[in-house]
N, C-alpha and C. Protein backbone atom coordinates (compact mmCIF):
# COMPACT_ATOMS: atom_id res chain seq x y z
N MET A 1 39.09 -15.24 39.72
CA MET A 1 38.01 -16.00 39.10
C MET A 1 36.83 -15.07 38.89
N LYS A 2 36.28 -15.08 37.70
CA LYS A 2 35.19 -14.21 37.33
C LYS A 2 33.85 -14.86 37.68
N SER A 3 32.98 -14.09 38.34
CA SER A 3 31.67 -14.65 38.67
C SER A 3 30.69 -14.35 37.54
N THR A 4 29.76 -15.24 37.36
CA THR A 4 28.75 -15.05 36.32
C THR A 4 27.55 -14.32 36.91
N VAL A 5 26.72 -13.79 36.04
CA VAL A 5 25.52 -13.08 36.47
C VAL A 5 24.65 -13.99 37.32
N ALA A 6 24.49 -15.22 36.91
CA ALA A 6 23.62 -16.15 37.63
C ALA A 6 24.11 -16.40 39.05
N GLU A 7 25.41 -16.40 39.25
CA GLU A 7 25.95 -16.67 40.59
C GLU A 7 25.73 -15.50 41.55
N THR A 8 25.63 -14.30 41.03
CA THR A 8 25.47 -13.12 41.88
C THR A 8 24.01 -12.78 42.17
N LEU A 9 23.10 -13.38 41.46
CA LEU A 9 21.68 -13.09 41.67
C LEU A 9 21.16 -13.72 42.95
N PRO A 10 20.29 -13.02 43.66
CA PRO A 10 19.66 -13.63 44.83
C PRO A 10 18.82 -14.84 44.42
N MET A 11 18.68 -15.78 45.33
CA MET A 11 17.94 -17.02 45.03
C MET A 11 16.51 -16.71 44.57
N ARG A 12 15.86 -15.75 45.19
CA ARG A 12 14.48 -15.41 44.80
C ARG A 12 14.41 -14.97 43.35
N VAL A 13 15.40 -14.21 42.91
CA VAL A 13 15.43 -13.74 41.52
C VAL A 13 15.66 -14.91 40.57
N ARG A 14 16.57 -15.80 40.95
CA ARG A 14 16.82 -16.98 40.10
C ARG A 14 15.57 -17.84 39.97
N ARG A 15 14.85 -18.01 41.10
CA ARG A 15 13.61 -18.79 41.05
C ARG A 15 12.56 -18.11 40.18
N SER A 16 12.47 -16.79 40.27
CA SER A 16 11.50 -16.05 39.46
C SER A 16 11.82 -16.19 37.97
N LEU A 17 13.09 -16.11 37.63
CA LEU A 17 13.48 -16.28 36.23
C LEU A 17 13.20 -17.70 35.74
N ALA A 18 13.46 -18.68 36.59
CA ALA A 18 13.19 -20.07 36.22
C ALA A 18 11.68 -20.27 35.99
N LYS A 19 10.86 -19.67 36.85
CA LYS A 19 9.41 -19.76 36.69
C LYS A 19 8.97 -19.07 35.41
N LEU A 20 9.56 -17.90 35.13
CA LEU A 20 9.24 -17.17 33.90
C LEU A 20 9.56 -18.03 32.69
N GLY A 21 10.73 -18.66 32.70
CA GLY A 21 11.11 -19.53 31.59
C GLY A 21 10.15 -20.70 31.43
N ALA A 22 9.76 -21.31 32.54
CA ALA A 22 8.81 -22.43 32.48
C ALA A 22 7.44 -21.96 31.98
N ASP A 23 7.04 -20.76 32.37
CA ASP A 23 5.76 -20.21 31.90
C ASP A 23 5.80 -19.93 30.40
N ILE A 24 6.94 -19.44 29.92
CA ILE A 24 7.09 -19.20 28.48
C ILE A 24 7.04 -20.52 27.73
N ALA A 25 7.70 -21.55 28.25
CA ALA A 25 7.68 -22.87 27.61
C ALA A 25 6.26 -23.42 27.56
N LEU A 26 5.52 -23.27 28.65
CA LEU A 26 4.14 -23.75 28.68
C LEU A 26 3.27 -23.00 27.68
N ALA A 27 3.42 -21.68 27.63
CA ALA A 27 2.64 -20.88 26.67
C ALA A 27 2.97 -21.29 25.23
N ARG A 28 4.24 -21.57 24.96
CA ARG A 28 4.64 -22.02 23.62
C ARG A 28 3.97 -23.33 23.26
N ARG A 29 4.00 -24.28 24.21
CA ARG A 29 3.40 -25.60 23.94
C ARG A 29 1.89 -25.49 23.76
N LYS A 30 1.24 -24.64 24.54
CA LYS A 30 -0.21 -24.45 24.40
C LYS A 30 -0.56 -23.93 23.01
N ARG A 31 0.34 -23.18 22.40
CA ARG A 31 0.11 -22.62 21.07
C ARG A 31 0.63 -23.54 19.97
N SER A 32 1.06 -24.72 20.35
CA SER A 32 1.57 -25.74 19.41
C SER A 32 2.74 -25.22 18.58
N LEU A 33 3.62 -24.47 19.23
CA LEU A 33 4.80 -23.96 18.54
C LEU A 33 6.01 -24.78 18.98
N THR A 34 6.86 -25.11 18.03
CA THR A 34 8.08 -25.85 18.36
C THR A 34 9.15 -24.85 18.82
N VAL A 35 10.19 -25.39 19.42
CA VAL A 35 11.31 -24.56 19.84
C VAL A 35 11.92 -23.87 18.63
N GLN A 36 12.06 -24.60 17.55
CA GLN A 36 12.64 -24.03 16.32
C GLN A 36 11.76 -22.90 15.78
N MET A 37 10.45 -23.07 15.81
CA MET A 37 9.55 -22.02 15.33
C MET A 37 9.70 -20.76 16.18
N MET A 38 9.77 -20.92 17.51
CA MET A 38 9.93 -19.77 18.39
C MET A 38 11.27 -19.07 18.12
N ALA A 39 12.32 -19.85 17.99
CA ALA A 39 13.64 -19.26 17.74
C ALA A 39 13.63 -18.44 16.45
N GLU A 40 13.00 -18.98 15.41
CA GLU A 40 12.92 -18.26 14.14
C GLU A 40 12.11 -16.98 14.28
N ARG A 41 11.00 -17.03 14.99
CA ARG A 41 10.15 -15.85 15.16
C ARG A 41 10.82 -14.78 16.02
N LEU A 42 11.66 -15.21 16.94
CA LEU A 42 12.40 -14.27 17.78
C LEU A 42 13.65 -13.74 17.08
N GLY A 43 14.10 -14.46 16.07
CA GLY A 43 15.31 -14.08 15.36
C GLY A 43 16.57 -14.42 16.13
N VAL A 44 16.52 -15.53 16.88
CA VAL A 44 17.67 -15.96 17.67
C VAL A 44 17.97 -17.42 17.37
N ALA A 45 19.12 -17.86 17.84
CA ALA A 45 19.49 -19.27 17.68
C ALA A 45 18.61 -20.13 18.60
N LYS A 46 18.46 -21.38 18.21
CA LYS A 46 17.68 -22.32 19.03
C LYS A 46 18.25 -22.41 20.44
N SER A 47 19.57 -22.40 20.56
CA SER A 47 20.21 -22.49 21.88
C SER A 47 19.87 -21.27 22.75
N THR A 48 19.76 -20.10 22.13
CA THR A 48 19.38 -18.90 22.88
C THR A 48 17.95 -19.01 23.37
N TYR A 49 17.07 -19.50 22.51
CA TYR A 49 15.68 -19.65 22.93
C TYR A 49 15.57 -20.65 24.09
N LEU A 50 16.33 -21.72 24.02
CA LEU A 50 16.30 -22.71 25.11
C LEU A 50 16.78 -22.10 26.42
N LYS A 51 17.71 -21.14 26.34
CA LYS A 51 18.14 -20.42 27.54
C LYS A 51 16.97 -19.62 28.13
N ILE A 52 16.14 -19.06 27.27
CA ILE A 52 14.96 -18.32 27.75
C ILE A 52 14.06 -19.25 28.54
N GLU A 53 13.81 -20.43 28.01
CA GLU A 53 12.93 -21.39 28.70
C GLU A 53 13.53 -21.88 30.02
N LYS A 54 14.84 -21.75 30.17
CA LYS A 54 15.48 -22.12 31.43
C LYS A 54 15.56 -20.92 32.39
N GLY A 55 15.19 -19.73 31.89
CA GLY A 55 15.26 -18.54 32.73
C GLY A 55 16.67 -18.01 32.90
N ASP A 56 17.48 -18.16 31.90
CA ASP A 56 18.88 -17.73 31.95
C ASP A 56 18.96 -16.20 32.01
N PRO A 57 19.61 -15.64 33.05
CA PRO A 57 19.68 -14.18 33.18
C PRO A 57 20.63 -13.52 32.19
N SER A 58 21.43 -14.29 31.47
CA SER A 58 22.36 -13.69 30.52
C SER A 58 21.69 -13.35 29.19
N VAL A 59 20.46 -13.79 28.99
CA VAL A 59 19.74 -13.47 27.76
C VAL A 59 19.22 -12.04 27.88
N ALA A 60 19.35 -11.28 26.81
CA ALA A 60 18.95 -9.87 26.81
C ALA A 60 17.46 -9.71 27.08
N LEU A 61 17.13 -8.65 27.80
CA LEU A 61 15.73 -8.36 28.12
C LEU A 61 14.89 -8.20 26.85
N GLY A 62 15.49 -7.63 25.82
CA GLY A 62 14.78 -7.47 24.55
C GLY A 62 14.37 -8.80 23.95
N THR A 63 15.17 -9.82 24.15
CA THR A 63 14.83 -11.15 23.63
C THR A 63 13.66 -11.73 24.40
N TYR A 64 13.65 -11.55 25.73
CA TYR A 64 12.48 -11.97 26.52
C TYR A 64 11.24 -11.20 26.06
N ALA A 65 11.39 -9.89 25.83
CA ALA A 65 10.27 -9.06 25.39
C ALA A 65 9.73 -9.55 24.05
N MET A 66 10.61 -9.95 23.16
CA MET A 66 10.17 -10.47 21.86
C MET A 66 9.42 -11.79 22.04
N ALA A 67 9.84 -12.61 22.99
CA ALA A 67 9.13 -13.87 23.26
C ALA A 67 7.72 -13.56 23.76
N PHE A 68 7.58 -12.56 24.65
CA PHE A 68 6.24 -12.17 25.11
C PHE A 68 5.38 -11.75 23.93
N PHE A 69 5.96 -10.95 23.03
CA PHE A 69 5.23 -10.46 21.87
C PHE A 69 4.78 -11.61 20.97
N VAL A 70 5.68 -12.52 20.68
CA VAL A 70 5.36 -13.65 19.81
C VAL A 70 4.24 -14.50 20.41
N LEU A 71 4.24 -14.61 21.74
CA LEU A 71 3.22 -15.42 22.41
C LEU A 71 1.91 -14.66 22.65
N GLY A 72 1.88 -13.37 22.29
CA GLY A 72 0.66 -12.59 22.41
C GLY A 72 0.53 -11.80 23.70
N PHE A 73 1.60 -11.69 24.46
CA PHE A 73 1.59 -10.91 25.70
C PHE A 73 2.25 -9.56 25.43
N ASN A 74 1.64 -8.77 24.56
CA ASN A 74 2.25 -7.54 24.06
C ASN A 74 2.54 -6.50 25.13
N ASP A 75 1.62 -6.28 26.06
CA ASP A 75 1.75 -5.18 27.01
C ASP A 75 2.25 -5.59 28.39
N VAL A 76 2.56 -6.84 28.58
CA VAL A 76 2.93 -7.34 29.90
C VAL A 76 4.16 -6.63 30.45
N LEU A 77 5.18 -6.48 29.66
CA LEU A 77 6.43 -5.90 30.13
C LEU A 77 6.25 -4.44 30.51
N GLY A 78 5.44 -3.72 29.77
CA GLY A 78 5.21 -2.32 30.06
C GLY A 78 4.45 -2.08 31.36
N ASP A 79 3.75 -3.09 31.84
CA ASP A 79 2.95 -2.94 33.06
C ASP A 79 3.66 -3.47 34.31
N VAL A 80 4.84 -4.02 34.16
CA VAL A 80 5.53 -4.65 35.29
C VAL A 80 5.76 -3.66 36.43
N LEU A 81 6.26 -2.50 36.14
CA LEU A 81 6.56 -1.51 37.18
C LEU A 81 5.67 -0.27 37.04
N ASP A 82 4.43 -0.48 36.68
CA ASP A 82 3.49 0.62 36.54
C ASP A 82 3.39 1.38 37.87
N ALA A 83 3.59 2.68 37.82
CA ALA A 83 3.61 3.51 39.03
C ALA A 83 2.29 3.44 39.80
N ARG A 84 1.19 3.18 39.12
CA ARG A 84 -0.11 3.10 39.80
C ARG A 84 -0.21 1.89 40.71
N HIS A 85 0.62 0.89 40.49
CA HIS A 85 0.59 -0.33 41.29
C HIS A 85 1.79 -0.46 42.22
N ASP A 86 2.59 0.60 42.30
CA ASP A 86 3.79 0.60 43.14
C ASP A 86 3.41 1.06 44.54
N GLU A 87 3.00 0.11 45.38
CA GLU A 87 2.51 0.45 46.72
C GLU A 87 3.59 1.12 47.56
N GLN A 88 4.80 0.62 47.52
CA GLN A 88 5.87 1.22 48.31
C GLN A 88 6.16 2.64 47.83
N GLY A 89 6.19 2.84 46.53
CA GLY A 89 6.43 4.17 45.98
C GLY A 89 5.33 5.15 46.38
N LEU A 90 4.08 4.68 46.37
CA LEU A 90 2.96 5.54 46.77
C LEU A 90 3.06 5.92 48.24
N LEU A 91 3.47 4.97 49.09
CA LEU A 91 3.65 5.28 50.51
C LEU A 91 4.78 6.31 50.71
N LEU A 92 5.85 6.15 49.97
CA LEU A 92 6.96 7.10 50.07
C LEU A 92 6.51 8.49 49.62
N ASP A 93 5.69 8.57 48.58
CA ASP A 93 5.16 9.85 48.13
C ASP A 93 4.34 10.51 49.23
N GLN A 94 3.51 9.74 49.93
CA GLN A 94 2.69 10.29 51.00
C GLN A 94 3.55 10.83 52.13
N GLN A 95 4.65 10.17 52.43
CA GLN A 95 5.53 10.62 53.51
C GLN A 95 6.24 11.92 53.16
N ARG A 96 6.42 12.18 51.88
CA ARG A 96 7.14 13.39 51.45
C ARG A 96 6.25 14.62 51.36
N ILE A 97 4.96 14.45 51.48
CA ILE A 97 4.06 15.59 51.39
C ILE A 97 4.29 16.48 52.61
N PRO A 98 4.54 17.77 52.38
CA PRO A 98 4.81 18.65 53.52
C PRO A 98 3.55 18.86 54.37
N LYS A 99 3.77 19.10 55.67
CA LYS A 99 2.65 19.35 56.58
C LYS A 99 2.07 20.73 56.33
N ARG A 100 2.94 21.70 55.99
CA ARG A 100 2.48 23.05 55.69
C ARG A 100 3.10 23.49 54.37
N VAL A 101 2.36 24.33 53.67
CA VAL A 101 2.86 24.89 52.42
C VAL A 101 2.89 26.40 52.57
N ARG A 102 4.02 27.01 52.31
CA ARG A 102 4.17 28.46 52.41
C ARG A 102 4.41 29.01 51.01
N PRO A 103 3.89 30.21 50.79
CA PRO A 103 4.15 30.82 49.47
C PRO A 103 5.64 31.14 49.34
N PRO A 104 6.17 31.09 48.14
CA PRO A 104 7.61 31.39 47.95
C PRO A 104 7.89 32.86 48.27
N LYS A 105 9.07 33.09 48.79
CA LYS A 105 9.47 34.46 49.07
C LYS A 105 9.75 35.17 47.76
N THR A 106 9.24 36.38 47.66
CA THR A 106 9.47 37.15 46.43
C THR A 106 10.57 38.15 46.68
N ALA A 107 11.26 38.49 45.65
CA ALA A 107 12.33 39.47 45.76
C ALA A 107 11.72 40.86 45.94
N ARG A 108 12.30 41.67 46.80
CA ARG A 108 11.81 43.03 47.04
C ARG A 108 12.32 43.94 45.93
N PRO A 109 11.44 44.82 45.46
CA PRO A 109 11.88 45.76 44.42
C PRO A 109 12.91 46.75 44.99
N LEU A 110 13.84 47.18 44.15
CA LEU A 110 14.88 48.12 44.58
C LEU A 110 14.38 49.50 44.71
């Protein structure tokens, strides 16, 4: 039996996707856009757009990105994993800094 992407995702991820879909639906309604209008602007079928609003993980990331763009959230996706805000990554960088720095050994002339 083949498992689907949704079945293998951790519950936290599924909840986050569901919230993202609900947030997209709310943003659409605030802009007075119909589901059909959004689907046309994204260049997808109405059923695909409805999957976005449900937070379906099988929808391509590019389609979600296009939904952000259509709703006016142009730079949101690019800032998701911005290295300046990656606290764990910054801590790991600090741990890797050597205690002492030695000049590289140079080759002796023959």
